[in-house]
Amino acid sequence: MDRREFLETSGVLAGGAMLGGIPGTQPGATPPMMGIQIGAVSFVDEGTDRVLDSLHEMASINTLCVASFTYGRGIAGRQLPNQPLPDHGKQEYDTATFRGGNYATPHPQYYRNTSITPERAPDHPGYDVLSDVLPRAHQRDMKVIAWFEDVIAGDVPGFEQAREVVLTGSRSTFACSRNPNTRNFWLGLVGDYLRSYDVDGLMWGSERQGPLGSVLGTNHGGPGAGGRVACFCQYCTEAAKQQGINVDRARQGYAELTKWSAAVAGGQKPADGAFVTFWRLLVRYPEILAWERLWNEALYDTYRDMYKLAHEIAPAKGIGWHIWHNNSFSPFYRAEQDYAEFNQYADFLKVVMYGFCGGERLAQYVRGANRSLFADLTPDATLALTYDLQQYHDRPLNELAAAGLGPDYVRRETARALAGAGPTMKIWPGIDVDIPTAATSKKSQPADVYEAVKAAFAGGAHGVLLSRKYSEMRLDNIRAAGRAVRDLKLV
């Protein structure tokens, strides 16, 4: 058995502990997790039985990550406006009717300790996606994971009491992870889903970063993506004081860092260069890093509390986390995603390894970082440094968006995740299928999906999760994922 065969086989064997088999496999065989993210609108538009049967037929799907709570269009709703409609579902956009919220039925007793109202999504009146899908999926030996994310609309009743407070003193559009209203809302969803429904597990995602990355713009998606310079609310400042962090010095440090960032982005390069003067600010104000750590600790505590409650209610069912794509680009964000640490409070990690939109996103990260921390370098040199630090290499900057990231990126990121997480953690690479990109950027093709899925298993993956949502995917790309696992003889 060569190395590749060993990795593929070991990944399959390790992947079957939480999830059951696929109908039609040989007795005793343990197929990998073959999952897809899907929202309520697809079942409403196309019919639940039809969707489940076609997903199994096309790609041997045995796990559904059903978007159960979000106010964002990334994992719920139909295709985004101005993007081509897929070859299934209603051939229309739902901009006028999309709201979001809880696509299952919220039970008030689980939300007594939060100000945030557990709104039921009005998009499909009277429809409960978990009640509908669960029994039909289980009849087909398909698992259902309730998939929810840290995206709450600003006008949700009670959300005002949970918002972060930014450096200037105004309220953020994001919830503070340390605020008890926020924490108890997520715990309410955990308790509600596990006690009210026979789900097979939970997955939660928070695509946010701490204040340091927000100032530096070290993320894809442009300024403001991933968070603001926060949080300085009463709960965070009190926690800082208990840890001996000087709150006033932290404010001063971030105010100076924000001025520095704006000046560098505006072309005012310091005489000592961008990186040297950035480091000078860190030395002068160590509270900058202390506040970054404080912000991340609140998020880690949220993970821990959700994991603890989930295991108290249903210890045999898994709960895991969606790891934001910025993990592939920013070494600063990556340093804060310690896979070994996650072993203490996660059963699996869905690590985003979106290769086709990844070229566009990596280029966005490089140009953003090049306007601040790496302003001393050329954009091409910033990309070369990023490749070296992140330990994968791909196309030059001028080709990235149009070409995307190749299968070697998926294989390396999968192997790295497994090496960091250790033998007990399940790693499910997220493979992008038709995620919207700019008109001149890479679009998913069947051959690409086929190679990406094979690369994930070559890296040792315990399964793959087709992402972001079924309602924007083309069927030939889903079929390509199925061909990959069949050709690898995994099903």
Protein backbone atom coordinates (compact mmCIF):
# COMPACT_ATOMS: atom_id res chain seq x y z
CA MET A 1 0.00 0.00 0.00
CA ASP A 2 1.55 3.32 -1.04
CA ARG A 3 1.24 6.55 0.94
CA ARG A 4 -1.74 7.84 -1.00
CA GLU A 5 -3.69 4.60 -0.58
CA PHE A 6 -2.88 4.61 3.13
CA LEU A 7 -4.14 8.16 3.60
CA GLU A 8 -7.32 7.48 1.68
CA THR A 9 -8.00 4.26 3.59
CA SER A 10 -7.21 5.75 7.00
CA GLY A 11 -9.45 8.70 6.28
CA VAL A 12 -12.33 6.42 5.42
CA LEU A 13 -11.90 4.27 8.52
CA ALA A 14 -11.69 7.26 10.84
CA GLY A 15 -14.67 9.00 9.32
CA GLY A 16 -17.39 6.53 10.19
CA ALA A 17 -17.63 6.85 13.96
CA MET A 18 -20.37 9.48 14.12
CA LEU A 19 -22.06 8.97 10.78
CA GLY A 20 -23.71 5.90 9.33
CA GLY A 21 -23.29 4.19 5.98
CA ILE A 22 -24.60 4.94 2.54
CA PRO A 23 -27.36 2.68 1.20
CA GLY A 24 -25.95 0.15 -1.25
CA THR A 25 -22.47 -0.20 0.20
CA GLN A 26 -21.04 -3.58 1.06
CA PRO A 27 -21.90 -4.95 4.54
CA GLY A 28 -19.32 -3.83 7.07
CA ALA A 29 -17.91 -1.09 4.81
CA THR A 30 -17.56 2.35 6.36
CA PRO A 31 -17.94 5.04 3.70
CA PRO A 32 -16.72 8.57 4.33
CA MET A 33 -19.00 11.44 5.18
CA MET A 34 -20.38 12.84 1.92
CA GLY A 35 -22.18 16.01 2.87
CA ILE A 36 -23.86 19.01 1.32
CA GLN A 37 -25.04 22.32 2.75
CA ILE A 38 -28.65 23.03 1.88
CA GLY A 39 -31.35 25.50 2.84
CA ALA A 40 -35.09 25.30 3.34
CA VAL A 41 -35.86 26.99 0.03
CA SER A 42 -34.57 24.00 -1.95
CA PHE A 43 -36.95 21.57 -0.26
CA VAL A 44 -39.85 24.00 -0.69
CA ASP A 45 -39.09 24.69 -4.34
CA GLU A 46 -38.19 21.18 -5.52
CA GLY A 47 -39.87 18.78 -3.09
CA THR A 48 -38.11 17.08 -0.20
CA ASP A 49 -38.25 13.50 -1.48
CA ARG A 50 -37.05 14.51 -4.92
CA VAL A 51 -34.10 16.47 -3.51
CA LEU A 52 -33.01 13.69 -1.17
CA ASP A 53 -33.21 11.00 -3.84
CA SER A 54 -31.37 13.06 -6.43
CA LEU A 55 -28.58 14.00 -4.00
CA HIS A 56 -28.00 10.37 -3.13
CA GLU A 57 -28.10 9.32 -6.77
CA MET A 58 -25.79 12.10 -7.97
CA ALA A 59 -23.13 12.10 -5.27
CA SER A 60 -23.88 9.39 -2.67
CA ILE A 61 -24.77 12.16 -0.22
CA ASN A 62 -25.24 10.71 3.26
CA THR A 63 -25.19 13.89 5.35
CA LEU A 64 -27.23 17.07 5.05
CA CYS A 65 -26.06 20.23 6.77
CA VAL A 66 -29.40 22.01 6.82
CA ALA A 67 -29.28 25.78 7.26
CA SER A 68 -31.49 26.09 10.31
CA PHE A 69 -30.66 29.60 11.53
CA THR A 70 -29.21 32.59 9.71
CA TYR A 71 -30.16 36.03 8.49
CA GLY A 72 -27.55 35.83 5.74
CA ARG A 73 -27.81 34.80 2.11
CA GLY A 74 -24.54 32.86 2.23
CA ILE A 75 -26.19 29.61 3.37
CA ALA A 76 -29.92 30.29 2.97
CA GLY A 77 -32.17 31.52 0.20
CA ARG A 78 -31.92 31.05 -3.54
CA GLN A 79 -29.13 32.18 -5.81
CA LEU A 80 -27.78 35.70 -5.25
CA PRO A 81 -29.01 38.42 -7.59
CA ASN A 82 -26.85 39.13 -10.66
CA GLN A 83 -25.48 35.59 -10.58
CA PRO A 84 -26.54 32.91 -13.10
CA LEU A 85 -29.43 30.75 -11.92
CA PRO A 86 -28.60 27.03 -11.47
CA ASP A 87 -30.20 24.27 -13.54
CA HIS A 88 -32.72 23.27 -10.87
CA GLY A 89 -35.17 24.91 -8.50
CA LYS A 90 -37.30 27.94 -9.28
CA GLN A 91 -35.73 30.06 -11.98
CA GLU A 92 -36.04 33.28 -10.04
CA TYR A 93 -34.37 35.21 -7.25
CA ASP A 94 -35.91 35.67 -3.80
CA THR A 95 -34.51 39.08 -2.87
CA ALA A 96 -37.92 40.52 -2.10
CA THR A 97 -39.03 37.60 0.07
CA PHE A 98 -35.80 36.68 1.89
CA ARG A 99 -35.61 37.55 5.57
CA GLY A 100 -33.98 34.68 7.42
CA GLY A 101 -34.22 33.68 11.06
CA ASN A 102 -34.94 30.23 12.46
CA TYR A 103 -36.09 27.91 9.70
CA ALA A 104 -37.25 25.42 12.33
CA THR A 105 -39.72 26.17 15.13
CA PRO A 106 -38.22 28.08 18.08
CA HIS A 107 -39.53 26.92 21.45
CA PRO A 108 -39.64 29.90 23.85
CA GLN A 109 -38.55 28.01 26.97
CA TYR A 110 -35.00 27.76 25.61
CA TYR A 111 -34.59 31.52 25.17
CA ARG A 112 -35.62 32.83 28.59
CA ASN A 113 -32.15 34.15 29.42
CA THR A 114 -31.55 36.23 26.31
CA SER A 115 -32.90 39.53 25.06
CA ILE A 116 -32.67 38.36 21.44
CA THR A 117 -36.04 37.27 20.09
CA PRO A 118 -35.92 33.80 18.50
CA GLU A 119 -37.75 34.79 15.33
CA ARG A 120 -39.13 32.13 13.09
CA ALA A 121 -38.09 32.81 9.50
CA PRO A 122 -41.13 34.16 7.62
CA ASP A 123 -39.73 33.16 4.22
CA HIS A 124 -41.80 29.95 4.00
CA PRO A 125 -44.89 30.41 6.21
CA GLY A 126 -45.80 27.32 8.21
CA TYR A 127 -42.78 25.36 7.04
CA ASP A 128 -40.37 23.76 9.54
CA VAL A 129 -37.35 22.45 7.64
CA LEU A 130 -36.15 20.08 10.37
CA SER A 131 -39.58 18.55 10.96
CA ASP A 132 -39.96 17.99 7.25
CA VAL A 133 -36.50 16.73 6.34
CA LEU A 134 -35.52 14.62 9.37
CA PRO A 135 -37.91 11.67 9.01
CA ARG A 136 -37.50 11.52 5.23
CA ALA A 137 -33.70 11.68 5.46
CA HIS A 138 -33.56 9.03 8.18
CA GLN A 139 -35.70 6.71 6.06
CA ARG A 140 -32.87 6.89 3.52
CA ASP A 141 -30.09 6.42 6.10
CA MET A 142 -29.06 10.05 5.65
CA LYS A 143 -27.88 12.12 8.60
CA VAL A 144 -29.10 15.64 9.32
CA ILE A 145 -26.91 18.25 10.99
CA ALA A 146 -28.51 21.52 12.05
CA TRP A 147 -26.23 24.19 10.58
CA PHE A 148 -26.43 27.70 12.01
CA GLU A 149 -24.19 30.75 11.89
CA ASP A 150 -23.31 33.99 13.63
CA VAL A 151 -25.36 36.25 11.36
CA ILE A 152 -28.20 38.21 12.98
CA ALA A 153 -30.19 41.02 11.37
CA GLY A 154 -29.81 44.41 13.02
CA ASP A 155 -33.55 44.90 13.50
CA VAL A 156 -34.21 41.67 15.40
CA PRO A 157 -35.98 42.62 18.63
CA GLY A 158 -33.57 42.55 21.57
CA PHE A 159 -30.44 42.46 19.40
CA GLU A 160 -29.56 46.02 20.42
CA GLN A 161 -28.71 44.74 23.93
CA ALA A 162 -26.27 42.20 22.48
CA ARG A 163 -24.28 44.34 20.06
CA GLU A 164 -20.56 44.94 20.26
CA VAL A 165 -19.37 48.46 21.09
CA VAL A 166 -16.70 49.70 18.68
CA LEU A 167 -13.71 51.87 19.53
CA THR A 168 -15.61 55.10 18.81
CA GLY A 169 -18.35 54.11 21.25
CA SER A 170 -21.06 53.32 18.72
CA ARG A 171 -22.79 49.97 18.37
CA SER A 172 -21.48 47.40 15.92
CA THR A 173 -23.58 45.37 13.49
CA PHE A 174 -22.17 42.23 15.17
CA ALA A 175 -23.06 40.55 18.45
CA CYS A 176 -20.57 40.54 21.32
CA SER A 177 -19.55 36.98 22.13
CA ARG A 178 -19.03 37.86 25.80
CA ASN A 179 -22.43 39.50 26.21
CA PRO A 180 -24.72 37.06 28.10
CA ASN A 181 -27.59 37.85 25.73
CA THR A 182 -25.52 36.59 22.82
CA ARG A 183 -24.10 33.57 24.61
CA ASN A 184 -27.50 32.49 25.95
CA PHE A 185 -29.06 32.86 22.51
CA TRP A 186 -26.58 30.40 20.98
CA LEU A 187 -27.05 28.06 23.93
CA GLY A 188 -30.80 28.36 23.44
CA LEU A 189 -30.45 27.19 19.85
CA VAL A 190 -28.25 24.27 20.93
CA GLY A 191 -30.78 23.17 23.53
CA ASP A 192 -33.75 23.72 21.25
CA TYR A 193 -32.35 21.76 18.30
CA LEU A 194 -31.11 18.83 20.38
CA ARG A 195 -34.18 18.54 22.63
CA SER A 196 -36.90 19.36 20.10
CA TYR A 197 -35.59 17.43 17.10
CA ASP A 198 -33.86 14.13 16.41
CA VAL A 199 -30.96 15.81 14.62
CA ASP A 200 -27.71 13.86 14.24
CA GLY A 201 -25.44 16.75 15.18
CA LEU A 202 -24.87 20.50 15.11
CA MET A 203 -22.52 22.78 13.21
CA TRP A 204 -22.00 26.46 13.98
CA GLY A 205 -19.91 29.05 12.19
CA SER A 206 -18.61 32.52 13.00
CA GLU A 207 -16.79 34.23 10.14
CA ARG A 208 -15.30 36.98 12.26
CA GLN A 209 -11.90 38.04 13.50
CA GLY A 210 -10.53 40.11 16.34
CA PRO A 211 -9.90 43.87 16.29
CA LEU A 212 -6.27 43.59 15.19
CA GLY A 213 -7.09 41.90 11.89
CA SER A 214 -9.99 44.29 11.38
CA VAL A 215 -7.66 47.30 11.63
CA LEU A 216 -5.04 45.76 9.39
CA GLY A 217 -7.53 44.56 6.78
CA THR A 218 -5.92 41.12 6.78
CA ASN A 219 -8.93 39.32 5.35
CA HIS A 220 -10.68 38.73 2.07
CA GLY A 221 -13.86 40.55 1.17
CA GLY A 222 -12.73 44.13 1.65
CA PRO A 223 -12.80 46.58 4.58
CA GLY A 224 -15.19 45.62 7.34
CA ALA A 225 -15.46 41.97 6.35
CA GLY A 226 -14.96 39.85 9.44
CA GLY A 227 -15.70 42.50 12.04
CA ARG A 228 -15.01 45.96 13.40
CA VAL A 229 -12.53 47.40 15.91
CA ALA A 230 -14.33 46.06 18.98
CA CYS A 231 -15.46 45.17 21.55
CA PHE A 232 -15.36 47.79 24.31
CA CYS A 233 -18.74 47.04 25.86
CA GLN A 234 -19.31 46.79 29.61
CA TYR A 235 -18.75 43.03 29.64
CA CYS A 236 -15.48 43.18 27.75
CA THR A 237 -14.07 46.10 29.71
CA GLU A 238 -14.94 44.37 32.99
CA ALA A 239 -13.27 41.16 31.82
CA ALA A 240 -10.20 43.19 30.84
CA LYS A 241 -9.97 44.79 34.26
CA GLN A 242 -10.21 41.39 35.93
CA GLN A 243 -7.25 40.25 33.82
CA GLY A 244 -5.22 43.35 34.65
CA ILE A 245 -5.50 44.90 31.18
CA ASN A 246 -5.44 48.69 31.15
CA VAL A 247 -8.60 49.57 29.21
CA ASP A 248 -7.59 53.18 28.56
CA ARG A 249 -4.23 52.07 27.18
CA ALA A 250 -5.98 49.53 24.95
CA ARG A 251 -8.23 52.26 23.58
CA GLN A 252 -5.24 54.54 23.00
CA GLY A 253 -3.31 51.77 21.29
CA TYR A 254 -6.13 50.94 18.89
CA ALA A 255 -6.74 54.64 18.20
CA GLU A 256 -3.07 55.05 17.24
CA LEU A 257 -3.13 51.84 15.20
CA THR A 258 -6.24 52.99 13.35
CA LYS A 259 -4.59 56.33 12.50
CA TRP A 260 -1.46 54.50 11.36
CA SER A 261 -3.49 52.17 9.14
CA ALA A 262 -5.43 55.01 7.53
CA ALA A 263 -2.24 56.95 6.84
CA VAL A 264 -0.42 53.98 5.30
CA ALA A 265 -3.46 53.04 3.18
CA GLY A 266 -3.56 56.67 2.01
CA GLY A 267 0.01 56.47 0.73
CA GLN A 268 1.74 58.17 3.67
CA LYS A 269 4.53 55.67 4.10
CA PRO A 270 6.51 56.24 7.32
CA ALA A 271 10.23 56.91 7.07
CA ASP A 272 10.93 53.65 8.95
CA GLY A 273 8.47 51.72 6.82
CA ALA A 274 5.07 50.21 7.53
CA PHE A 275 6.12 47.02 9.26
CA VAL A 276 8.67 48.65 11.58
CA THR A 277 6.24 51.33 12.71
CA PHE A 278 3.51 48.74 13.19
CA TRP A 279 5.81 46.73 15.42
CA ARG A 280 6.76 49.90 17.27
CA LEU A 281 3.10 50.41 18.14
CA LEU A 282 2.84 46.83 19.44
CA VAL A 283 5.87 47.38 21.68
CA ARG A 284 4.53 50.71 22.89
CA TYR A 285 1.03 49.39 23.43
CA PRO A 286 1.14 45.69 24.35
CA GLU A 287 -2.53 46.16 25.22
CA ILE A 288 -3.24 45.88 21.47
CA LEU A 289 -2.40 42.19 21.53
CA ALA A 290 -3.98 41.77 24.97
CA TRP A 291 -7.30 43.05 23.58
CA GLU A 292 -6.99 40.78 20.55
CA ARG A 293 -6.58 37.84 22.92
CA LEU A 294 -9.51 39.05 25.03
CA TRP A 295 -11.77 39.14 21.95
CA ASN A 296 -10.76 35.65 20.88
CA GLU A 297 -11.21 34.23 24.39
CA ALA A 298 -14.86 35.26 24.27
CA LEU A 299 -15.34 33.33 21.04
CA TYR A 300 -13.48 30.28 22.39
CA ASP A 301 -15.65 30.37 25.52
CA THR A 302 -18.72 30.35 23.28
CA TYR A 303 -17.41 27.21 21.59
CA ARG A 304 -16.72 25.59 24.96
CA ASP A 305 -20.14 26.42 26.39
CA MET A 306 -21.98 25.18 23.31
CA TYR A 307 -19.93 21.97 23.25
CA LYS A 308 -20.51 21.37 26.97
CA LEU A 309 -24.28 21.83 26.69
CA ALA A 310 -24.51 19.69 23.55
CA HIS A 311 -22.67 16.84 25.24
CA GLU A 312 -24.78 17.13 28.39
CA ILE A 313 -27.94 16.76 26.30
CA ALA A 314 -26.80 14.25 23.67
CA PRO A 315 -23.26 12.98 24.27
CA ALA A 316 -23.40 10.57 21.33
CA LYS A 317 -24.16 13.31 18.83
CA GLY A 318 -21.46 15.55 17.44
CA ILE A 319 -21.03 19.31 17.41
CA GLY A 320 -18.41 21.03 15.30
CA TRP A 321 -17.34 24.33 13.85
CA HIS A 322 -17.13 25.92 10.42
CA ILE A 323 -13.62 27.41 10.08
CA TRP A 324 -13.66 30.61 8.03
CA HIS A 325 -11.78 30.77 4.71
CA ASN A 326 -9.55 33.57 6.03
CA ASN A 327 -7.70 30.74 7.77
CA SER A 328 -6.13 29.90 4.38
CA PHE A 329 -4.87 33.43 3.75
CA SER A 330 -4.03 35.33 6.93
CA PRO A 331 -1.25 33.84 9.10
CA PHE A 332 -2.52 36.07 11.91
CA TYR A 333 -6.00 34.57 11.79
CA ARG A 334 -4.56 31.09 11.29
CA ALA A 335 -2.49 31.45 14.46
CA GLU A 336 -5.73 31.88 16.37
CA GLN A 337 -7.30 28.68 14.95
CA ASP A 338 -5.45 26.06 16.99
CA TYR A 339 -6.73 22.69 15.77
CA ALA A 340 -5.12 20.87 18.70
CA GLU A 341 -6.97 23.18 21.10
CA PHE A 342 -10.24 22.48 19.27
CA ASN A 343 -9.89 18.85 20.33
CA GLN A 344 -11.15 19.92 23.76
CA TYR A 345 -14.42 21.34 22.46
CA ALA A 346 -15.26 20.00 19.00
CA ASP A 347 -16.15 16.63 17.49
CA PHE A 348 -15.39 17.71 13.93
CA LEU A 349 -14.16 20.71 11.97
CA LYS A 350 -15.52 21.78 8.61
CA VAL A 351 -12.45 23.63 7.36
CA VAL A 352 -13.20 25.91 4.43
CA MET A 353 -10.93 24.96 1.50
CA TYR A 354 -12.77 26.70 -1.31
CA GLY A 355 -10.28 26.50 -4.17
CA PHE A 356 -12.25 27.92 -7.10
CA CYS A 357 -13.32 31.16 -5.39
CA GLY A 358 -10.10 30.92 -3.34
CA GLY A 359 -7.99 32.57 -6.02
CA GLU A 360 -10.20 35.65 -6.03
CA ARG A 361 -10.27 35.71 -2.23
CA LEU A 362 -6.52 35.25 -1.82
CA ALA A 363 -5.94 38.12 -4.23
CA GLN A 364 -8.31 40.27 -2.14
CA TYR A 365 -6.41 39.39 1.02
CA VAL A 366 -3.04 40.17 -0.57
CA ARG A 367 -4.13 43.57 -1.83
CA GLY A 368 -5.70 44.44 1.52
CA ALA A 369 -2.63 43.41 3.52
CA ASN A 370 -0.44 45.24 1.00
CA ARG A 371 -2.21 48.48 1.87
CA SER A 372 -1.31 48.20 5.55
CA LEU A 373 1.07 45.81 7.26
CA PHE A 374 2.97 44.78 4.11
CA ALA A 375 2.98 48.19 2.41
CA ASP A 376 6.80 47.96 2.23
CA LEU A 377 6.47 45.09 -0.24
CA THR A 378 5.07 44.82 -3.74
CA PRO A 379 1.78 42.93 -4.07
CA ASP A 380 3.67 40.07 -5.74
CA ALA A 381 6.14 39.93 -2.85
CA THR A 382 3.25 39.95 -0.38
CA LEU A 383 1.75 36.95 -2.17
CA ALA A 384 5.10 35.13 -2.15
CA LEU A 385 5.43 35.75 1.59
CA THR A 386 1.86 34.56 2.15
CA TYR A 387 2.53 31.35 0.23
CA ASP A 388 5.66 30.66 2.28
CA LEU A 389 3.95 31.37 5.61
CA GLN A 390 0.80 29.41 4.75
CA GLN A 391 2.77 26.49 3.31
CA TYR A 392 1.11 26.08 -0.06
CA HIS A 393 1.99 27.64 -3.40
CA ASP A 394 -0.12 28.38 -6.47
CA ARG A 395 -0.51 30.86 -9.31
CA PRO A 396 1.04 34.36 -9.52
CA LEU A 397 -1.15 37.27 -8.45
CA ASN A 398 -2.18 38.34 -11.94
CA GLU A 399 -3.59 34.85 -12.62
CA LEU A 400 -5.12 34.01 -9.25
CA ALA A 401 -8.69 35.27 -9.60
CA ALA A 402 -9.20 33.80 -13.07
CA ALA A 403 -7.51 30.46 -12.33
CA GLY A 404 -8.50 29.81 -8.70
CA LEU A 405 -6.46 27.61 -6.39
CA GLY A 406 -5.64 24.11 -7.62
CA PRO A 407 -6.21 20.70 -6.01
CA ASP A 408 -2.78 20.73 -4.38
CA TYR A 409 -4.03 23.56 -2.15
CA VAL A 410 -6.90 21.33 -0.98
CA ARG A 411 -4.61 18.36 -0.37
CA ARG A 412 -2.05 20.38 1.60
CA GLU A 413 -4.64 22.19 3.71
CA THR A 414 -6.35 18.88 4.51
CA ALA A 415 -3.09 17.21 5.53
CA ARG A 416 -2.13 20.24 7.62
CA ALA A 417 -5.47 20.22 9.43
CA LEU A 418 -5.14 16.52 10.22
CA ALA A 419 -1.59 16.94 11.47
CA GLY A 420 -2.62 19.81 13.72
CA ALA A 421 -5.83 18.29 15.03
CA GLY A 422 -4.52 14.84 15.87
CA PRO A 423 -6.05 11.41 15.32
CA THR A 424 -9.35 11.85 17.17
CA MET A 425 -10.69 14.95 15.37
CA LYS A 426 -12.73 14.51 12.20
CA ILE A 427 -11.73 16.90 9.42
CA TRP A 428 -14.28 17.63 6.71
CA PRO A 429 -12.89 19.93 4.01
CA GLY A 430 -15.45 22.32 2.62
CA ILE A 431 -15.32 22.07 -1.20
CA ASP A 432 -16.80 25.04 -3.04
CA VAL A 433 -19.34 24.33 -5.75
CA ASP A 434 -20.50 27.36 -7.73
CA ILE A 435 -19.88 29.92 -5.01
CA PRO A 436 -20.46 33.31 -6.70
CA THR A 437 -17.39 35.14 -7.96
CA ALA A 438 -16.79 38.17 -10.17
CA ALA A 439 -17.54 37.79 -13.88
CA THR A 440 -13.85 37.47 -14.76
CA SER A 441 -12.99 35.13 -11.88
CA LYS A 442 -12.86 31.35 -11.77
CA LYS A 443 -16.12 29.41 -12.04
CA SER A 444 -16.54 25.83 -10.81
CA GLN A 445 -16.35 23.16 -13.49
CA PRO A 446 -17.03 19.41 -13.13
CA ALA A 447 -13.38 18.50 -13.70
CA ASP A 448 -12.37 20.96 -10.96
CA VAL A 449 -14.84 19.56 -8.43
CA TYR A 450 -13.76 16.02 -9.28
CA GLU A 451 -10.09 16.80 -8.65
CA ALA A 452 -10.78 18.82 -5.48
CA VAL A 453 -12.74 15.97 -3.89
CA LYS A 454 -10.02 13.48 -4.79
CA ALA A 455 -7.39 15.86 -3.38
CA ALA A 456 -9.25 16.13 -0.06
CA PHE A 457 -9.22 12.35 0.37
CA ALA A 458 -5.62 12.16 -0.79
CA GLY A 459 -4.85 14.52 2.10
CA GLY A 460 -6.58 12.14 4.53
CA ALA A 461 -10.02 13.76 4.91
CA HIS A 462 -12.72 11.92 6.86
CA GLY A 463 -15.32 13.29 4.49
CA VAL A 464 -16.11 16.32 2.35
CA LEU A 465 -18.83 18.93 2.59
CA LEU A 466 -20.08 20.49 -0.66
CA SER A 467 -20.57 24.19 0.02
CA ARG A 468 -22.00 26.89 0.27
CA LYS A 469 -25.55 25.92 -0.59
CA TYR A 470 -27.30 23.53 -2.94
CA SER A 471 -29.51 26.32 -4.32
CA GLU A 472 -26.57 27.90 -6.17
CA MET A 473 -24.91 24.65 -7.40
CA ARG A 474 -25.10 23.19 -10.88
CA LEU A 475 -26.06 19.54 -10.99
CA ASP A 476 -23.13 18.48 -13.19
CA ASN A 477 -20.75 19.75 -10.53
CA ILE A 478 -22.51 17.72 -7.83
CA ARG A 479 -22.34 14.66 -10.05
CA ALA A 480 -18.60 15.22 -10.45
CA ALA A 481 -18.17 14.93 -6.68
CA GLY A 482 -20.03 11.62 -6.83
CA ARG A 483 -17.81 10.33 -9.61
CA ALA A 484 -14.73 11.16 -7.54
CA VAL A 485 -15.76 9.08 -4.55
CA ARG A 486 -16.90 6.22 -6.75
CA ASP A 487 -13.65 6.23 -8.68
CA LEU A 488 -11.76 6.17 -5.38
CA LYS A 489 -13.95 3.17 -4.44
CA LEU A 490 -15.05 4.91 -1.25
CA VAL A 491 -18.73 4.05 -1.82
